[in-house]
């Protein structure tokens, strides 16, 4: 089951409407995936994937985008907050 959530992030180079889609998930809680795997897209552009550990404490990003570390932290914190809100 793939579920998604769109959010506008104010990043260094302006506003970005990023869609966060759960991937490889059979179970979803609220808007986002229980398993911690998310694909980031903006329009038709694939920005990469963020994968969290089971406790949502640590994450890795495999994308090729121009995000800074701080911008990735902002996006990951948003996902983590949405996950905890849905639980």
N, C-alpha and C. Protein backbone atom coordinates (compact mmCIF):
# COMPACT_ATOMS: atom_id res chain seq x y z
N UNK A 1 0.84 -1.18 0.00
CA UNK A 1 0.00 0.00 0.00
C UNK A 1 0.89 1.24 0.00
N UNK A 2 0.66 2.14 -0.91
CA UNK A 2 1.39 3.40 -0.93
C UNK A 2 0.47 4.52 -0.52
N UNK A 3 0.86 5.27 0.49
CA UNK A 3 0.12 6.45 0.92
C UNK A 3 1.05 7.63 0.78
N UNK A 4 0.49 8.81 0.59
CA UNK A 4 1.35 9.98 0.41
C UNK A 4 0.76 11.20 1.10
N UNK A 5 1.65 12.16 1.30
CA UNK A 5 1.33 13.41 1.96
C UNK A 5 2.14 14.50 1.27
N UNK A 6 1.52 15.61 0.92
CA UNK A 6 2.24 16.71 0.30
C UNK A 6 2.41 17.83 1.31
N UNK A 7 3.60 18.44 1.30
CA UNK A 7 3.89 19.53 2.22
C UNK A 7 4.77 20.55 1.51
N UNK A 8 4.55 21.83 1.80
CA UNK A 8 5.40 22.89 1.26
C UNK A 8 6.49 23.19 2.27
N UNK A 9 7.74 23.01 1.84
CA UNK A 9 8.90 23.29 2.67
C UNK A 9 9.54 24.59 2.21
N UNK A 10 9.88 25.47 3.15
CA UNK A 10 10.62 26.68 2.85
C UNK A 10 12.10 26.35 2.97
N UNK A 11 12.74 26.10 1.84
CA UNK A 11 14.15 25.73 1.82
C UNK A 11 15.00 26.91 1.38
N UNK A 12 16.28 26.73 1.36
CA UNK A 12 17.23 27.80 1.07
C UNK A 12 16.91 28.54 -0.22
N UNK A 13 16.54 27.81 -1.26
CA UNK A 13 16.29 28.43 -2.57
C UNK A 13 14.81 28.69 -2.83
N UNK A 14 13.98 28.68 -1.78
CA UNK A 14 12.57 28.99 -1.94
C UNK A 14 11.66 27.86 -1.49
N UNK A 15 10.39 28.00 -1.85
CA UNK A 15 9.38 27.01 -1.45
C UNK A 15 9.41 25.82 -2.40
N UNK A 16 9.25 24.63 -1.80
CA UNK A 16 9.21 23.40 -2.56
C UNK A 16 8.00 22.59 -2.10
N UNK A 17 7.14 22.21 -3.04
CA UNK A 17 5.99 21.36 -2.75
C UNK A 17 6.43 19.91 -2.93
N UNK A 18 6.77 19.27 -1.82
CA UNK A 18 7.33 17.93 -1.85
C UNK A 18 6.27 16.93 -1.42
N UNK A 19 6.14 15.88 -2.22
CA UNK A 19 5.24 14.78 -1.88
C UNK A 19 6.07 13.68 -1.23
N UNK A 20 5.59 13.22 -0.08
CA UNK A 20 6.25 12.15 0.68
C UNK A 20 5.36 10.92 0.55
N UNK A 21 5.89 9.87 -0.07
CA UNK A 21 5.10 8.67 -0.33
C UNK A 21 5.74 7.49 0.37
N UNK A 22 4.94 6.75 1.15
CA UNK A 22 5.46 5.54 1.77
C UNK A 22 5.71 4.50 0.68
N UNK A 23 6.78 3.75 0.84
CA UNK A 23 7.11 2.72 -0.14
C UNK A 23 7.33 1.38 0.55
N UNK A 24 7.07 0.30 -0.18
CA UNK A 24 7.26 -1.06 0.33
C UNK A 24 6.56 -1.28 1.65
N UNK A 25 5.33 -0.85 1.73
CA UNK A 25 4.61 -0.95 2.99
C UNK A 25 3.29 -1.68 2.80
N UNK A 26 3.05 -2.64 3.65
CA UNK A 26 1.75 -3.31 3.66
C UNK A 26 0.84 -2.71 4.72
N UNK A 27 1.42 -1.97 5.65
CA UNK A 27 0.67 -1.38 6.76
C UNK A 27 0.91 0.11 6.76
N UNK A 28 -0.13 0.89 6.95
CA UNK A 28 0.04 2.34 7.06
C UNK A 28 -0.71 2.82 8.29
N UNK A 29 -0.16 3.86 8.90
CA UNK A 29 -0.81 4.49 10.04
C UNK A 29 -1.10 5.92 9.62
N UNK A 30 -2.34 6.33 9.61
CA UNK A 30 -2.66 7.69 9.21
C UNK A 30 -2.20 7.94 7.79
N UNK A 31 -1.41 8.98 7.61
CA UNK A 31 -0.97 9.39 6.28
C UNK A 31 0.33 8.71 5.86
N UNK A 32 1.10 8.21 6.82
CA UNK A 32 2.43 7.74 6.47
C UNK A 32 2.67 6.30 6.86
N UNK A 33 3.73 5.74 6.34
CA UNK A 33 4.06 4.32 6.48
C UNK A 33 4.55 3.96 7.86
N UNK A 34 4.24 2.76 8.29
CA UNK A 34 4.74 2.27 9.57
C UNK A 34 6.18 1.78 9.45
N UNK A 35 6.61 1.40 8.26
CA UNK A 35 7.93 0.79 8.13
C UNK A 35 9.07 1.79 7.95
N UNK A 36 8.78 3.07 7.78
CA UNK A 36 9.83 4.08 7.74
C UNK A 36 10.54 4.27 6.42
N UNK A 37 9.96 3.85 5.30
CA UNK A 37 10.56 4.05 3.98
C UNK A 37 9.72 5.04 3.18
N UNK A 38 10.33 6.13 2.74
CA UNK A 38 9.59 7.19 2.06
C UNK A 38 10.31 7.67 0.82
N UNK A 39 9.56 7.91 -0.25
CA UNK A 39 10.09 8.50 -1.48
C UNK A 39 9.68 9.96 -1.51
N UNK A 40 10.63 10.81 -1.86
CA UNK A 40 10.37 12.25 -1.98
C UNK A 40 10.30 12.61 -3.45
N UNK A 41 9.25 13.32 -3.83
CA UNK A 41 9.11 13.80 -5.20
C UNK A 41 8.63 15.24 -5.19
N UNK A 42 8.96 15.94 -6.26
CA UNK A 42 8.43 17.28 -6.48
C UNK A 42 7.97 17.32 -7.93
N UNK A 43 6.66 17.30 -8.10
CA UNK A 43 6.12 17.17 -9.45
C UNK A 43 6.52 15.80 -9.99
N UNK A 44 7.14 15.78 -11.16
CA UNK A 44 7.61 14.53 -11.77
C UNK A 44 9.03 14.18 -11.36
N UNK A 45 9.69 15.03 -10.60
CA UNK A 45 11.09 14.84 -10.23
C UNK A 45 11.23 13.96 -8.99
N UNK A 46 11.93 12.84 -9.13
CA UNK A 46 12.22 11.96 -8.00
C UNK A 46 13.41 12.55 -7.25
N UNK A 47 13.21 12.89 -5.97
CA UNK A 47 14.26 13.51 -5.16
C UNK A 47 15.03 12.50 -4.33
N UNK A 48 14.62 11.24 -4.33
CA UNK A 48 15.30 10.20 -3.57
C UNK A 48 14.43 9.65 -2.47
N UNK A 49 15.02 8.77 -1.68
CA UNK A 49 14.30 8.09 -0.61
C UNK A 49 14.94 8.38 0.74
N UNK A 50 14.10 8.45 1.78
CA UNK A 50 14.56 8.51 3.16
C UNK A 50 14.09 7.24 3.84
N UNK A 51 15.01 6.58 4.54
CA UNK A 51 14.66 5.37 5.27
C UNK A 51 15.04 5.57 6.73
N UNK A 52 14.04 5.36 7.61
CA UNK A 52 14.22 5.49 9.05
C UNK A 52 14.44 4.13 9.68
N UNK A 53 15.09 4.13 10.85
CA UNK A 53 15.15 2.91 11.64
C UNK A 53 13.79 2.68 12.29
N UNK A 54 13.62 1.57 12.96
CA UNK A 54 12.32 1.18 13.51
C UNK A 54 11.78 2.19 14.52
N UNK A 55 12.66 2.87 15.27
CA UNK A 55 12.21 3.84 16.26
C UNK A 55 12.09 5.25 15.68
N UNK A 56 12.39 5.41 14.40
CA UNK A 56 12.36 6.71 13.71
C UNK A 56 13.39 7.68 14.29
N UNK A 57 14.45 7.16 14.92
CA UNK A 57 15.49 8.02 15.50
C UNK A 57 16.58 8.37 14.50
N UNK A 58 16.94 7.42 13.64
CA UNK A 58 18.01 7.63 12.67
C UNK A 58 17.46 7.42 11.27
N UNK A 59 18.06 8.12 10.32
CA UNK A 59 17.60 7.99 8.95
C UNK A 59 18.78 8.11 8.00
N UNK A 60 18.57 7.59 6.79
CA UNK A 60 19.54 7.75 5.72
C UNK A 60 18.79 8.26 4.49
N UNK A 61 19.50 8.99 3.66
CA UNK A 61 18.92 9.55 2.44
C UNK A 61 19.76 9.08 1.27
N UNK A 62 19.11 8.55 0.24
CA UNK A 62 19.86 8.02 -0.89
C UNK A 62 19.72 8.86 -2.15
N UNK A 63 19.22 10.07 -2.02
CA UNK A 63 18.94 10.89 -3.20
C UNK A 63 20.14 11.60 -3.76
N UNK A 64 19.95 12.12 -4.94
CA UNK A 64 20.97 12.87 -5.65
C UNK A 64 20.65 14.36 -5.71
N UNK A 65 19.71 14.80 -4.88
CA UNK A 65 19.24 16.19 -4.97
C UNK A 65 20.27 17.15 -4.39
N UNK A 66 19.94 18.41 -4.50
CA UNK A 66 20.81 19.48 -4.03
C UNK A 66 20.46 19.93 -2.62
N UNK A 67 19.76 19.08 -1.84
CA UNK A 67 19.41 19.45 -0.48
C UNK A 67 20.67 19.60 0.37
N UNK A 68 20.64 20.58 1.27
CA UNK A 68 21.70 20.68 2.26
C UNK A 68 21.38 19.72 3.40
N UNK A 69 22.34 19.49 4.26
CA UNK A 69 22.11 18.62 5.42
C UNK A 69 20.98 19.19 6.28
N UNK A 70 20.99 20.51 6.48
CA UNK A 70 19.93 21.15 7.28
C UNK A 70 18.56 20.99 6.67
N UNK A 71 18.47 21.08 5.34
CA UNK A 71 17.18 20.89 4.67
C UNK A 71 16.69 19.46 4.82
N UNK A 72 17.60 18.51 4.72
CA UNK A 72 17.22 17.10 4.91
C UNK A 72 16.75 16.85 6.34
N UNK A 73 17.39 17.50 7.30
CA UNK A 73 16.97 17.36 8.69
C UNK A 73 15.56 17.91 8.86
N UNK A 74 15.26 19.05 8.22
CA UNK A 74 13.91 19.63 8.28
C UNK A 74 12.88 18.66 7.71
N UNK A 75 13.17 18.07 6.57
CA UNK A 75 12.25 17.13 5.94
C UNK A 75 12.09 15.87 6.80
N UNK A 76 13.19 15.33 7.29
CA UNK A 76 13.13 14.13 8.13
C UNK A 76 12.37 14.40 9.43
N UNK A 77 12.59 15.57 10.03
CA UNK A 77 11.86 15.92 11.25
C UNK A 77 10.37 16.03 10.99
N UNK A 78 10.00 16.57 9.83
CA UNK A 78 8.58 16.66 9.47
C UNK A 78 7.98 15.26 9.37
N UNK A 79 8.68 14.35 8.68
CA UNK A 79 8.17 12.98 8.53
C UNK A 79 8.04 12.32 9.90
N UNK A 80 9.05 12.46 10.73
CA UNK A 80 9.03 11.86 12.06
C UNK A 80 7.86 12.41 12.88
N UNK A 81 7.64 13.73 12.82
CA UNK A 81 6.54 14.34 13.56
C UNK A 81 5.19 13.81 13.06
N UNK A 82 5.02 13.67 11.75
CA UNK A 82 3.78 13.16 11.19
C UNK A 82 3.57 11.70 11.61
N UNK A 83 4.63 10.93 11.66
CA UNK A 83 4.54 9.53 12.07
C UNK A 83 4.09 9.43 13.52
N UNK A 84 4.68 10.24 14.40
CA UNK A 84 4.30 10.20 15.81
C UNK A 84 2.89 10.73 16.03
N UNK A 85 2.49 11.71 15.24
CA UNK A 85 1.14 12.25 15.32
C UNK A 85 0.10 11.21 14.94
N UNK A 86 0.43 10.37 13.99
CA UNK A 86 -0.51 9.36 13.50
C UNK A 86 -0.60 8.15 14.43
N UNK A 87 0.43 7.95 15.24
CA UNK A 87 0.46 6.75 16.11
C UNK A 87 -0.51 6.87 17.26
